[in-house]
C-alpha atoms as a PDB file:
ATOM      1  CA  MET A   1      64.390   8.162 -42.704  1.00  0.00           C
ATOM      2  CA  SER A   2      66.013   7.513 -46.398  1.00  0.00           C
ATOM      3  CA  SER A   3      69.593   6.889 -46.393  1.00  0.00           C
ATOM      4  CA  ASN A   4      69.967  10.169 -48.689  1.00  0.00           C
ATOM      5  CA  SER A   5      68.532  12.564 -45.364  1.00  0.00           C
ATOM      6  CA  VAL A   6      71.275  10.195 -43.453  1.00  0.00           C
ATOM      7  CA  SER A   7      74.263  11.705 -45.067  1.00  0.00           C
ATOM      8  CA  ASP A   8      72.669  15.468 -46.007  1.00  0.00           C
ATOM      9  CA  PRO A   9      74.724  17.649 -44.044  1.00  0.00           C
ATOM     10  CA  LEU A  10      71.811  20.136 -43.657  1.00  0.00           C
ATOM     11  CA  ARG A  11      69.911  17.302 -41.541  1.00  0.00           C
ATOM     12  CA  PRO A  12      68.726  18.376 -38.311  1.00  0.00           C
ATOM     13  CA  VAL A  13      70.085  16.275 -35.443  1.00  0.00           C
ATOM     14  CA  ALA A  14      68.963  17.641 -32.420  1.00  0.00           C
ATOM     15  CA  VAL A  15      66.411  19.951 -31.331  1.00  0.00           C
ATOM     16  CA  GLN A  16      64.878  21.582 -27.937  1.00  0.00           C
ATOM     17  CA  PRO A  17      62.905  24.219 -27.079  1.00  0.00           C
ATOM     18  CA  ARG A  18      63.719  27.410 -25.196  1.00  0.00           C
ATOM     19  CA  GLU A  19      62.080  30.066 -23.626  1.00  0.00           C
ATOM     20  CA  GLY A  20      60.268  32.562 -25.244  1.00  0.00           C
ATOM     21  CA  TYR A  21      59.346  30.783 -28.991  1.00  0.00           C
ATOM     22  CA  ARG A  22      63.100  30.156 -29.757  1.00  0.00           C
ATOM     23  CA  ILE A  23      64.149  26.543 -30.415  1.00  0.00           C
ATOM     24  CA  TRP A  24      67.912  25.311 -30.019  1.00  0.00           C
ATOM     25  CA  LEU A  25      68.878  22.946 -33.361  1.00  0.00           C
ATOM     26  CA  ARG A  26      72.171  21.048 -34.252  1.00  0.00           C
ATOM     27  CA  TYR A  27      72.482  20.088 -37.687  1.00  0.00           C
ATOM     28  CA  ALA A  28      74.593  17.493 -38.992  1.00  0.00           C
ATOM     29  CA  ASP A  29      77.454  19.766 -40.543  1.00  0.00           C
ATOM     30  CA  GLY A  30      78.049  21.033 -36.903  1.00  0.00           C
ATOM     31  CA  ALA A  31      75.892  24.588 -37.233  1.00  0.00           C
ATOM     32  CA  GLU A  32      74.340  24.389 -33.822  1.00  0.00           C
ATOM     33  CA  GLY A  33      72.476  27.639 -31.716  1.00  0.00           C
ATOM     34  CA  GLU A  34      68.896  29.336 -31.278  1.00  0.00           C
ATOM     35  CA  VAL A  35      66.512  30.431 -33.572  1.00  0.00           C
ATOM     36  CA  ASP A  36      63.806  32.962 -32.419  1.00  0.00           C
ATOM     37  CA  LEU A  37      60.648  31.990 -34.085  1.00  0.00           C
ATOM     38  CA  SER A  38      58.764  34.794 -31.931  1.00  0.00           C
ATOM     39  CA  ASP A  39      57.696  36.714 -35.244  1.00  0.00           C
ATOM     40  CA  LEU A  40      55.279  33.415 -35.498  1.00  0.00           C
ATOM     41  CA  ALA A  41      54.058  33.146 -32.439  1.00  0.00           C
ATOM     42  CA  GLY A  42      50.281  33.522 -32.005  1.00  0.00           C
ATOM     43  CA  LYS A  43      49.816  33.990 -36.191  1.00  0.00           C
ATOM     44  CA  GLY A  44      47.436  31.638 -38.119  1.00  0.00           C
ATOM     45  CA  VAL A  45      48.261  27.980 -37.173  1.00  0.00           C
ATOM     46  CA  PHE A  46      50.805  29.192 -34.604  1.00  0.00           C
ATOM     47  CA  ALA A  47      48.311  30.395 -32.187  1.00  0.00           C
ATOM     48  CA  ALA A  48      48.677  26.811 -30.743  1.00  0.00           C
ATOM     49  CA  TRP A  49      52.537  27.733 -29.432  1.00  0.00           C
ATOM     50  CA  LEU A  50      50.676  30.213 -27.003  1.00  0.00           C
ATOM     51  CA  ASP A  51      50.010  26.861 -25.267  1.00  0.00           C
ATOM     52  CA  ARG A  52      53.419  26.499 -23.480  1.00  0.00           C
ATOM     53  CA  ASN A  53      53.238  22.841 -23.390  1.00  0.00           C
ATOM     54  CA  PHE A  54      52.419  22.337 -27.361  1.00  0.00           C
ATOM     55  CA  PHE A  55      55.553  24.426 -28.144  1.00  0.00           C
ATOM     56  CA  CYS A  56      57.743  22.048 -26.097  1.00  0.00           C
ATOM     57  CA  ASP A  57      56.988  19.096 -27.947  1.00  0.00           C
ATOM     58  CA  VAL A  58      58.813  20.256 -30.820  1.00  0.00           C
ATOM     59  CA  ARG A  59      60.952  17.152 -32.853  1.00  0.00           C
ATOM     60  CA  ILE A  60      62.441  16.424 -35.697  1.00  0.00           C
ATOM     61  CA  ALA A  61      60.028  14.709 -37.923  1.00  0.00           C
ATOM     62  CA  GLU A  62      60.934  11.751 -40.053  1.00  0.00           C
ATOM     63  CA  GLY A  63      61.528  14.277 -42.953  1.00  0.00           C
ATOM     64  CA  GLY A  64      64.027  16.413 -41.171  1.00  0.00           C
ATOM     65  CA  GLU A  65      61.573  19.178 -40.593  1.00  0.00           C
ATOM     66  CA  ILE A  66      61.389  20.442 -37.331  1.00  0.00           C
ATOM     67  CA  ALA A  67      57.558  19.714 -35.816  1.00  0.00           C
ATOM     68  CA  TRP A  68      54.917  20.000 -33.318  1.00  0.00           C
ATOM     69  CA  ARG A  69      52.703  17.091 -32.903  1.00  0.00           C
ATOM     70  CA  ASN A  70      51.025  16.323 -36.514  1.00  0.00           C
ATOM     71  CA  GLU A  71      49.876  20.301 -36.609  1.00  0.00           C
ATOM     72  CA  ILE A  72      52.892  22.445 -37.405  1.00  0.00           C
ATOM     73  CA  ASP A  73      56.011  21.894 -39.214  1.00  0.00           C
ATOM     74  CA  LEU A  74      58.676  23.940 -40.474  1.00  0.00           C
ATOM     75  CA  CYS A  75      61.253  23.606 -43.300  1.00  0.00           C
ATOM     76  CA  ARG A  76      64.263  22.458 -42.292  1.00  0.00           C
ATOM     77  CA  HIS A  77      66.573  24.531 -45.103  1.00  0.00           C
ATOM     78  CA  ALA A  78      64.845  27.561 -43.977  1.00  0.00           C
ATOM     79  CA  LEU A  79      65.488  26.959 -40.341  1.00  0.00           C
ATOM     80  CA  TYR A  80      69.094  26.654 -41.236  1.00  0.00           C
ATOM     81  CA  LEU A  81      69.303  30.027 -43.408  1.00  0.00           C
ATOM     82  CA  ARG A  82      67.670  31.559 -40.255  1.00  0.00           C
ATOM     83  CA  LEU A  83      70.677  29.669 -37.889  1.00  0.00           C
ATOM     84  CA  THR A  84      73.450  30.827 -39.931  1.00  0.00           C
ATOM     85  CA  GLY A  85      72.213  33.703 -41.377  1.00  0.00           C
ATOM     86  CA  LYS A  86      73.850  32.613 -45.074  1.00  0.00           C
ATOM     87  CA  ALA A  87      71.884  33.451 -48.451  1.00  0.00           C
ATOM     88  CA  PRO A  88      70.314  30.291 -50.122  1.00  0.00           C
ATOM     89  CA  GLY A  89      73.540  30.773 -52.806  1.00  0.00           C
ATOM     90  CA  GLN A  90      75.473  30.209 -49.832  1.00  0.00           C
ATOM     91  CA  VAL A  91      74.550  26.812 -48.851  1.00  0.00           C
ATOM     92  CA  PHE A  92      72.335  25.366 -52.186  1.00  0.00           C
ATOM     93  CA  SER A  93      74.761  25.088 -55.382  1.00  0.00           C
ATOM     94  CA  GLY A  94      72.768  25.989 -58.683  1.00  0.00           C
ATOM     95  CA  LEU A  95      71.218  28.599 -57.308  1.00  0.00           C
ATOM     96  CA  ARG A  96      72.143  32.359 -58.624  1.00  0.00           C
ATOM     97  CA  PRO A  97      72.474  35.228 -56.294  1.00  0.00           C
END
């Protein structure tokens, strides 16, 4: 990881699989909780999650994305917005509402 990603408050620092296509996340800024991904499960590449062992193999990839093996990854920023319920303009400076 680059030194910039280490100081990034929107960097995930922990992830754990939970029941029902949910993951628990903690971010460097202290935000933590569960994100429900069941709306993705079984669709397209996310059909791989139907294998529970595959879904449980979640990790934080080198770039900070939430990843499953080398096949699927989700944007850490999009997951942060889902977790916190914030709008992009509330999190990212320079965005217009």
